[in-house]
Amino acid sequence: MPANASRRPVVVIACQVFESSLCKWLGATPATFLDQGLHDTPKKLTRALQAALEALPEPSLVLIGYGLCGNGLHSLESGRHMLVIPRADDCIALYLGSQAARRSHLEADPGTYYLTKGWLEGANNPLSNHEKHVVTYGEEQARWLLHTMFGHYSRLVFIAGSQADLDTYRPRAATIARFMHEQLGWAYEEQIGTEDYLQRLVAAPNDVLQIGDDFVVIPPGQQVRQDMFITL
């Protein structure tokens, strides 16, 4: 690992779902937030991240606000940069505080679909997708798509970063929950999570050489691999 990591300028490249959370701590750190819809096609996510890295004007320490995200980060090339990436499957682990917490939730109820503030602020959730499909394909085809895409889930959980976020975003989450209950019988729950993982990502440049197992550090000239995200 390069010893001059601390001398590199710090840059953030992250998913749009984290924008409102990360901007609270970034100060003057430059940040690029990519469209959350890229998750739908992991190869597009890889290409978008690669393009964002290659567009940086100088070798940097890049904090990546993504998990592995459906292998969207697999094969990403660090190029001239050093990358710091949460060792997590997806954004839900980041809102739960760790990959271990994410695994525990998955084992307890694998049929859970999660909503967060970022997903509610955007337009990529089961209800908004269904509304777009109705316009594009008609009601019958849209309903078939809804069952195909979400029929294997049985529960919706809204994870809020704080009580204030829960109170603010509950009406929208509840509207989506009612729709999914009517269509697919989903149960609905709410939970206050944590933004600690995101805060630790922002703090990573303070001691990148001692960053711990919750993050993957990719030196310059290396490639991100799926096996780097495997935890025991």
Protein backbone atom coordinates (compact mmCIF):
# COMPACT_ATOMS: atom_id res chain seq x y z
CA MET A 1 0.00 0.00 0.00
CA PRO A 2 1.49 3.37 -0.97
CA ALA A 3 2.96 5.26 1.96
CA ASN A 4 1.97 8.60 0.41
CA ALA A 5 -1.77 7.95 0.66
CA SER A 6 -2.29 10.86 3.05
CA ARG A 7 -0.81 13.31 0.52
CA ARG A 8 -3.38 12.52 -2.14
CA PRO A 9 -6.39 14.83 -2.50
CA VAL A 10 -9.56 13.23 -1.18
CA VAL A 11 -12.54 12.79 -3.51
CA VAL A 12 -15.90 11.08 -3.04
CA ILE A 13 -17.77 9.13 -5.72
CA ALA A 14 -21.02 7.74 -4.36
CA CYS A 15 -24.55 6.66 -5.13
CA GLN A 16 -27.16 9.40 -5.19
CA VAL A 17 -29.03 7.67 -2.36
CA PHE A 18 -26.27 8.79 0.04
CA GLU A 19 -26.08 12.41 -1.08
CA SER A 20 -28.09 14.02 1.70
CA SER A 21 -26.36 11.89 4.35
CA LEU A 22 -22.77 12.28 3.16
CA CYS A 23 -22.99 16.01 2.45
CA LYS A 24 -23.46 16.64 6.17
CA TRP A 25 -19.84 15.63 6.82
CA LEU A 26 -17.96 16.32 3.59
CA GLY A 27 -17.26 20.01 4.04
CA ALA A 28 -15.15 21.15 1.08
CA THR A 29 -14.38 17.59 -0.10
CA PRO A 30 -15.45 17.34 -3.76
CA ALA A 31 -18.08 14.71 -4.43
CA THR A 32 -19.79 13.16 -7.44
CA PHE A 33 -23.12 11.39 -6.93
CA LEU A 34 -24.20 8.93 -9.61
CA ASP A 35 -27.75 8.07 -10.63
CA GLN A 36 -29.27 5.44 -8.33
CA GLY A 37 -30.89 3.76 -11.33
CA LEU A 38 -27.48 2.38 -12.33
CA HIS A 39 -28.08 -0.39 -9.77
CA ASP A 40 -30.61 -1.90 -12.15
CA THR A 41 -27.81 -2.81 -14.58
CA PRO A 42 -24.55 -3.60 -12.73
CA LYS A 43 -22.40 -3.38 -15.87
CA LYS A 44 -23.64 0.17 -16.43
CA LEU A 45 -22.71 0.96 -12.84
CA THR A 46 -19.19 -0.38 -13.45
CA ARG A 47 -18.82 1.75 -16.58
CA ALA A 48 -20.15 4.88 -14.88
CA LEU A 49 -17.80 4.47 -11.92
CA GLN A 50 -14.86 3.82 -14.22
CA ALA A 51 -15.63 6.94 -16.22
CA ALA A 52 -15.91 9.02 -13.03
CA LEU A 53 -12.50 7.75 -11.85
CA GLU A 54 -10.85 8.41 -15.19
CA ALA A 55 -12.27 11.95 -15.23
CA LEU A 56 -10.45 12.92 -12.03
CA PRO A 57 -7.68 15.39 -12.90
CA GLU A 58 -4.99 14.02 -10.57
CA PRO A 59 -4.14 10.89 -8.56
CA SER A 60 -6.53 10.89 -5.61
CA LEU A 61 -7.71 9.00 -2.57
CA VAL A 62 -11.25 8.14 -3.66
CA LEU A 63 -13.93 7.24 -1.13
CA ILE A 64 -16.45 5.03 -2.92
CA GLY A 65 -19.98 5.30 -1.56
CA TYR A 66 -21.12 1.89 -2.75
CA GLY A 67 -21.04 -1.69 -1.60
CA LEU A 68 -20.40 -4.49 -4.08
CA CYS A 69 -23.93 -3.75 -5.38
CA GLY A 70 -24.80 -6.79 -7.49
CA ASN A 71 -21.15 -7.07 -8.64
CA GLY A 72 -21.35 -3.54 -10.02
CA LEU A 73 -17.90 -2.85 -8.54
CA HIS A 74 -16.33 -6.12 -9.69
CA SER A 75 -13.55 -5.45 -12.26
CA LEU A 76 -13.42 -1.71 -11.48
CA GLU A 77 -9.88 -0.46 -12.19
CA SER A 78 -8.29 1.91 -9.68
CA GLY A 79 -5.94 3.37 -12.30
CA ARG A 80 -3.89 6.22 -10.78
CA HIS A 81 -6.02 6.33 -7.65
CA MET A 82 -6.31 4.64 -4.30
CA LEU A 83 -9.85 3.50 -3.53
CA VAL A 84 -11.55 3.00 -0.17
CA ILE A 85 -14.76 0.96 -0.42
CA PRO A 86 -17.10 -0.31 2.31
CA ARG A 87 -16.82 -4.09 2.58
CA ALA A 88 -20.57 -4.50 2.15
CA ASP A 89 -22.97 -6.22 -0.21
CA ASP A 90 -25.13 -3.17 -0.78
CA CYS A 91 -26.38 0.13 0.62
CA ILE A 92 -28.58 -1.62 3.19
CA ALA A 93 -25.47 -2.77 5.06
CA LEU A 94 -24.32 0.85 5.15
CA TYR A 95 -27.59 1.96 6.73
CA LEU A 96 -27.59 -0.94 9.19
CA GLY A 97 -24.04 -0.15 10.31
CA SER A 98 -22.15 -3.23 9.11
CA GLN A 99 -22.18 -6.20 6.78
CA ALA A 100 -22.65 -8.45 9.83
CA ALA A 101 -25.90 -6.63 10.67
CA ARG A 102 -27.00 -6.98 7.04
CA ARG A 103 -26.30 -10.71 7.11
CA SER A 104 -28.23 -11.10 10.37
CA HIS A 105 -31.28 -9.38 8.85
CA LEU A 106 -31.05 -11.51 5.72
CA GLU A 107 -30.90 -14.73 7.71
CA ALA A 108 -33.85 -13.67 9.87
CA ASP A 109 -36.09 -12.81 6.90
CA PRO A 110 -34.68 -13.24 3.38
CA GLY A 111 -37.94 -11.99 1.86
CA THR A 112 -37.45 -8.38 2.94
CA TYR A 113 -37.34 -5.38 0.62
CA TYR A 114 -35.74 -2.29 2.16
CA LEU A 115 -36.45 1.40 1.68
CA THR A 116 -34.16 4.21 2.84
CA LYS A 117 -34.34 8.00 2.74
CA GLY A 118 -32.26 8.09 -0.41
CA TRP A 119 -34.53 5.70 -2.27
CA LEU A 120 -37.59 7.67 -1.19
CA GLU A 121 -36.03 10.93 -2.35
CA GLY A 122 -35.44 9.40 -5.77
CA ALA A 123 -37.89 7.80 -8.13
CA ASN A 124 -36.78 4.18 -8.02
CA ASN A 125 -39.01 2.15 -5.73
CA PRO A 126 -41.74 -0.44 -6.36
CA LEU A 127 -44.58 2.09 -6.57
CA SER A 128 -42.80 4.65 -8.75
CA ASN A 129 -41.54 1.89 -11.04
CA HIS A 130 -45.07 0.49 -11.36
CA GLU A 131 -46.45 3.93 -12.20
CA LYS A 132 -43.86 4.32 -14.98
CA HIS A 133 -44.63 0.83 -16.27
CA VAL A 134 -48.35 1.60 -16.44
CA VAL A 135 -47.62 4.58 -18.69
CA THR A 136 -45.23 2.59 -20.87
CA TYR A 137 -46.87 -0.84 -21.06
CA GLY A 138 -50.42 -0.50 -19.77
CA GLU A 139 -52.00 -1.68 -16.52
CA GLU A 140 -52.06 -5.43 -17.21
CA GLN A 141 -48.42 -5.68 -18.32
CA ALA A 142 -47.32 -3.39 -15.49
CA ARG A 143 -49.03 -5.63 -12.96
CA TRP A 144 -47.29 -8.68 -14.43
CA LEU A 145 -43.94 -6.89 -14.15
CA LEU A 146 -44.69 -5.97 -10.53
CA HIS A 147 -45.32 -9.60 -9.62
CA THR A 148 -42.29 -10.79 -11.58
CA MET A 149 -39.90 -8.28 -10.01
CA PHE A 150 -41.20 -8.29 -6.44
CA GLY A 151 -43.25 -11.44 -5.98
CA HIS A 152 -40.48 -13.19 -4.02
CA TYR A 153 -40.60 -10.55 -1.26
CA SER A 154 -43.08 -10.60 1.62
CA ARG A 155 -42.06 -7.66 3.82
CA LEU A 156 -41.17 -3.99 3.41
CA VAL A 157 -38.85 -2.35 5.95
CA PHE A 158 -38.18 1.38 5.99
CA ILE A 159 -34.78 2.07 7.58
CA ALA A 160 -34.46 5.67 8.76
CA GLY A 161 -31.22 7.26 9.88
CA SER A 162 -32.92 9.10 12.73
CA GLN A 163 -36.29 9.72 14.34
CA ALA A 164 -36.52 12.99 12.38
CA ASP A 165 -36.01 11.12 9.10
CA LEU A 166 -38.57 8.54 10.14
CA ASP A 167 -41.16 11.25 10.82
CA THR A 168 -40.35 13.11 7.59
CA TYR A 169 -40.36 10.18 5.19
CA ARG A 170 -42.97 7.96 6.85
CA PRO A 171 -45.90 9.24 4.73
CA ARG A 172 -44.19 8.29 1.47
CA ALA A 173 -42.98 4.95 2.86
CA ALA A 174 -46.48 4.20 4.17
CA THR A 175 -48.01 4.96 0.77
CA ILE A 176 -45.67 2.48 -0.89
CA ALA A 177 -46.34 -0.05 1.88
CA ARG A 178 -50.11 0.20 1.41
CA PHE A 179 -49.77 -0.32 -2.33
CA MET A 180 -47.52 -3.35 -1.95
CA HIS A 181 -49.80 -4.83 0.70
CA GLU A 182 -52.76 -4.49 -1.65
CA GLN A 183 -50.87 -5.98 -4.59
CA LEU A 184 -48.67 -8.63 -2.99
CA GLY A 185 -49.68 -8.85 0.67
CA TRP A 186 -46.46 -7.37 2.01
CA ALA A 187 -46.12 -6.64 5.72
CA TYR A 188 -44.59 -3.31 6.73
CA GLU A 189 -42.11 -2.38 9.45
CA GLU A 190 -40.04 0.65 10.39
CA GLN A 191 -36.58 0.76 11.92
CA ILE A 192 -34.15 3.47 12.93
CA GLY A 193 -30.75 2.48 11.59
CA THR A 194 -27.42 4.26 11.80
CA GLU A 195 -25.22 6.42 9.59
CA ASP A 196 -22.09 5.37 11.47
CA TYR A 197 -20.72 3.35 8.54
CA LEU A 198 -21.01 6.38 6.24
CA GLN A 199 -19.31 8.58 8.83
CA ARG A 200 -16.43 6.12 9.09
CA LEU A 201 -16.07 6.16 5.30
CA VAL A 202 -15.73 9.95 5.36
CA ALA A 203 -13.20 9.67 8.22
CA ALA A 204 -11.14 6.99 6.43
CA PRO A 205 -8.47 9.40 5.07
CA ASN A 206 -7.47 10.22 8.65
CA ASP A 207 -5.85 6.79 8.97
CA VAL A 208 -6.13 4.93 5.69
CA LEU A 209 -3.27 2.57 6.61
CA GLN A 210 -5.19 1.32 9.68
CA ILE A 211 -8.68 1.32 8.26
CA GLY A 212 -9.87 -2.07 9.53
CA ASP A 213 -11.84 -4.94 8.07
CA ASP A 214 -15.01 -2.97 7.32
CA PHE A 215 -13.37 -1.43 4.24
CA VAL A 216 -11.54 -2.63 1.15
CA VAL A 217 -8.51 -0.56 0.16
CA ILE A 218 -7.49 -0.82 -3.50
CA PRO A 219 -4.00 0.55 -4.31
CA PRO A 220 -3.25 2.24 -7.65
CA GLY A 221 -3.01 -0.07 -10.62
CA GLN A 222 -5.25 -2.74 -9.10
CA GLN A 223 -8.70 -4.13 -9.82
CA VAL A 224 -11.69 -4.60 -7.52
CA ARG A 225 -12.68 -8.26 -7.17
CA GLN A 226 -15.80 -9.84 -5.79
CA ASP A 227 -13.86 -12.06 -3.36
CA MET A 228 -12.52 -8.96 -1.57
CA PHE A 229 -15.99 -8.43 -0.12
CA ILE A 230 -16.35 -11.89 1.39
CA THR A 231 -16.42 -11.83 5.19
CA LEU A 232 -16.38 -14.83 7.52
